Amino acid sequence: GVNAVDSGQAEAARSVGMAFGQSLRLIVLPQAFRAVIPPLASVFIALAKNTSLVAGFGIADATYRMRGLINNNPGDVYAIFVGVALGYVLIVAVISLAARGLERQLEVAR
């Protein structure tokens, strides 16, 4: 976050006459936000991998549904497992693409 921004950035902002609030709002926080996007995306991906996404909405989670499908269709165990795994891969891919798109939008030309 804020610690990722070099202290020289804030000092330079203050040296050109910006107040603390201005330097924080215009210089430090935008850079800190850019630095936080990749780790935050990793946290969201880990959350998607470690929990079922629909459990947050109070609906039965994917593993519960998978178990029910396997009990009803014991011959299709591998197909059901692959289907649920692909669902999680899709969730992770969407989060990754969204994070990368946000990174590109906020990227600064150097």
Foldseek 3Di string as FASTA:
>chain_A
DLVVDDPVQLVVCVVVPDDNVCSCVPPRVLVVVLVCLVVVLVVVLVVLVVFFPCVVVVDDGLVVVLVVVCVVPVVCNPVSVVVSVVVSVVVSVVSVVVSVVVSVVSDDDD
